[in-house]
Amino acid sequence: TAPSRRSAALGAYYAHPGNRFWQTLFETGITPRLYEPHEYPQLIHLGIGFTDMAKRASGMDHEIDPEFYEVTRFEEEMRRCRPRAVAFTSKKAASVWMGVPTARIQYGHQPRHSDFPEVFVLSSPSGAGRRSWNIAPWQELARFLGRAKV
């Protein structure tokens, strides 16, 4: 959705020590080694890029004012960059983009949208989302990308 306050302050994605993002990328095989948050620009060499649905905000999903969501900018960016897949690490960001309530969104590979990359909704790696944590959608993404550890 948007960077956490810590990530925004440090200028690095998923920078809170309790966040599972970097460990999960490595554990599932999406990255060949464990990266640190400040190394996020290097992931472009692996074909992995980063963006946010709300570029002008930071904090937890429930703290982001709806006026900060930039769906049109996000879609234009994805169509310009043409990634193989888009992975939301937040049901909230996915729900804003899909225009449906978060309760209707299932984790994993989503139904195809014409003229748009494949879409995955992953369980949040944030420490605040520990109760709903599930590595399976991340593993599904790794298999799709042909990077799953066997």
Protein backbone atom coordinates (compact mmCIF):
# COMPACT_ATOMS: atom_id res chain seq x y z
CA THR A 1 0.00 0.00 0.00
CA ALA A 2 2.62 2.48 1.22
CA PRO A 3 5.92 2.26 3.06
CA SER A 4 5.83 1.88 6.81
CA ARG A 5 6.98 4.90 8.78
CA ARG A 6 10.32 3.18 9.43
CA SER A 7 10.79 2.30 5.75
CA ALA A 8 9.94 5.87 4.74
CA ALA A 9 12.41 7.26 7.29
CA LEU A 10 15.19 4.94 6.10
CA GLY A 11 14.35 5.19 2.41
CA ALA A 12 14.26 1.40 2.05
CA TYR A 13 11.38 -1.00 1.48
CA TYR A 14 10.33 -3.43 4.24
CA ALA A 15 12.92 -2.03 6.66
CA HIS A 16 11.32 -2.94 9.99
CA PRO A 17 13.29 -5.77 11.64
CA GLY A 18 10.05 -7.70 12.33
CA ASN A 19 9.06 -7.74 8.67
CA ARG A 20 9.39 -11.14 6.93
CA PHE A 21 9.67 -9.75 3.39
CA TRP A 22 13.38 -10.22 2.72
CA GLN A 23 13.59 -13.58 4.50
CA THR A 24 10.55 -14.86 2.58
CA LEU A 25 11.97 -13.84 -0.80
CA PHE A 26 15.06 -15.89 0.00
CA GLU A 27 13.27 -18.85 1.62
CA THR A 28 10.96 -19.29 -1.38
CA GLY A 29 13.76 -18.93 -3.94
CA ILE A 30 12.53 -15.67 -5.43
CA THR A 31 15.97 -14.25 -4.61
CA PRO A 32 19.18 -16.30 -4.65
CA ARG A 33 20.42 -14.86 -1.37
CA LEU A 34 19.14 -12.92 1.62
CA TYR A 35 19.07 -9.21 0.79
CA GLU A 36 18.95 -6.34 3.27
CA PRO A 37 16.36 -3.56 2.92
CA HIS A 38 18.93 -0.97 1.79
CA GLU A 39 19.87 -3.29 -1.09
CA TYR A 40 16.41 -3.12 -2.69
CA PRO A 41 17.66 -1.20 -5.80
CA GLN A 42 19.85 -4.21 -6.66
CA LEU A 43 16.79 -6.43 -7.13
CA ILE A 44 16.06 -4.74 -10.45
CA HIS A 45 18.89 -6.94 -11.80
CA LEU A 46 16.72 -9.94 -10.87
CA GLY A 47 13.72 -8.41 -12.61
CA ILE A 48 12.11 -7.28 -9.35
CA GLY A 49 10.91 -3.72 -8.97
CA PHE A 50 9.05 -1.85 -6.23
CA THR A 51 6.23 0.67 -6.10
CA ASP A 52 3.41 1.72 -3.80
CA MET A 53 -0.29 2.31 -4.34
CA ALA A 54 -0.01 5.43 -2.15
CA LYS A 55 3.27 7.19 -3.02
CA ARG A 56 2.55 10.31 -0.95
CA ALA A 57 1.81 8.53 2.34
CA SER A 58 3.41 6.21 4.86
CA GLY A 59 2.15 4.11 7.73
CA MET A 60 -0.07 1.11 8.28
CA ASP A 61 -2.88 0.41 5.81
CA HIS A 62 -5.63 1.64 8.11
CA GLU A 63 -3.77 4.95 8.54
CA ILE A 64 -3.65 5.80 4.83
CA ASP A 65 -6.28 8.31 3.76
CA PRO A 66 -8.12 7.12 0.62
CA GLU A 67 -7.25 10.36 -1.17
CA PHE A 68 -3.63 9.19 -1.33
CA TYR A 69 -4.32 6.09 -3.42
CA GLU A 70 -3.17 6.54 -7.02
CA VAL A 71 -4.76 3.70 -8.97
CA THR A 72 -4.40 5.38 -12.37
CA ARG A 73 -0.70 6.14 -11.79
CA PHE A 74 -0.14 2.56 -10.61
CA GLU A 75 -1.85 1.05 -13.67
CA GLU A 76 0.04 3.34 -16.05
CA GLU A 77 3.32 2.39 -14.39
CA MET A 78 2.57 -1.34 -14.67
CA ARG A 79 1.56 -1.01 -18.32
CA ARG A 80 4.70 1.00 -19.06
CA CYS A 81 7.08 -1.40 -17.26
CA ARG A 82 5.23 -4.59 -18.31
CA PRO A 83 6.37 -6.91 -15.51
CA ARG A 84 5.49 -10.61 -15.82
CA ALA A 85 3.64 -10.36 -12.52
CA VAL A 86 2.48 -7.82 -9.99
CA ALA A 87 2.51 -8.98 -6.37
CA PHE A 88 0.56 -7.09 -3.74
CA THR A 89 1.87 -7.62 -0.21
CA SER A 90 -1.33 -6.12 1.15
CA LYS A 91 -4.96 -7.12 0.67
CA LYS A 92 -5.78 -3.43 1.16
CA ALA A 93 -3.70 -2.33 -1.83
CA ALA A 94 -5.16 -5.15 -3.92
CA SER A 95 -8.70 -4.22 -2.88
CA VAL A 96 -8.16 -0.58 -3.84
CA TRP A 97 -6.86 -1.62 -7.25
CA MET A 98 -9.56 -4.27 -7.82
CA GLY A 99 -12.34 -2.11 -6.45
CA VAL A 100 -13.65 -4.83 -4.12
CA PRO A 101 -13.71 -5.23 -0.32
CA THR A 102 -10.67 -6.92 1.23
CA ALA A 103 -12.90 -9.75 2.53
CA ARG A 104 -13.60 -10.83 -1.06
CA ILE A 105 -9.93 -11.17 -1.97
CA GLN A 106 -8.24 -14.54 -1.73
CA TYR A 107 -4.48 -14.93 -1.44
CA GLY A 108 -2.55 -16.25 -4.42
CA HIS A 109 -2.81 -15.95 -8.20
CA GLN A 110 -5.75 -13.77 -9.21
CA PRO A 111 -8.09 -14.03 -12.20
CA ARG A 112 -6.56 -12.52 -15.33
CA HIS A 113 -7.23 -8.87 -16.19
CA SER A 114 -6.90 -8.10 -19.89
CA ASP A 115 -3.90 -6.00 -20.92
CA PHE A 116 -2.33 -6.30 -17.47
CA PRO A 117 0.41 -8.49 -15.98
CA GLU A 118 -0.47 -11.56 -13.90
CA VAL A 119 -1.51 -10.55 -10.38
CA PHE A 120 -0.75 -12.22 -7.06
CA VAL A 121 -1.96 -11.24 -3.61
CA LEU A 122 0.51 -12.31 -0.95
CA SER A 123 -0.01 -12.50 2.79
CA SER A 124 1.47 -9.46 4.46
CA PRO A 125 5.03 -9.97 5.70
CA SER A 126 4.52 -7.23 8.29
CA GLY A 127 4.78 -8.12 11.95
CA ALA A 128 1.31 -6.61 12.35
CA GLY A 129 -0.06 -9.33 10.06
CA ARG A 130 1.37 -12.33 11.89
CA ARG A 131 -2.06 -13.86 12.62
CA SER A 132 -2.86 -14.20 8.92
CA TRP A 133 0.67 -15.09 7.77
CA ASN A 134 0.89 -17.85 5.17
CA ILE A 135 3.94 -18.54 3.02
CA ALA A 136 1.94 -20.58 0.46
CA PRO A 137 1.00 -17.60 -1.80
CA TRP A 138 4.65 -16.57 -1.87
CA GLN A 139 5.61 -20.11 -2.88
CA GLU A 140 2.97 -20.00 -5.62
CA LEU A 141 4.55 -16.79 -6.94
CA ALA A 142 8.02 -18.39 -6.82
CA ARG A 143 6.73 -21.37 -8.86
CA PHE A 144 5.14 -19.03 -11.39
CA LEU A 145 8.43 -17.18 -11.77
CA GLY A 146 10.32 -20.46 -12.13
CA ARG A 147 12.41 -19.71 -9.05
CA ALA A 148 10.92 -22.01 -6.43
CA LYS A 149 13.29 -23.90 -4.20
CA VAL A 150 12.82 -27.64 -4.44
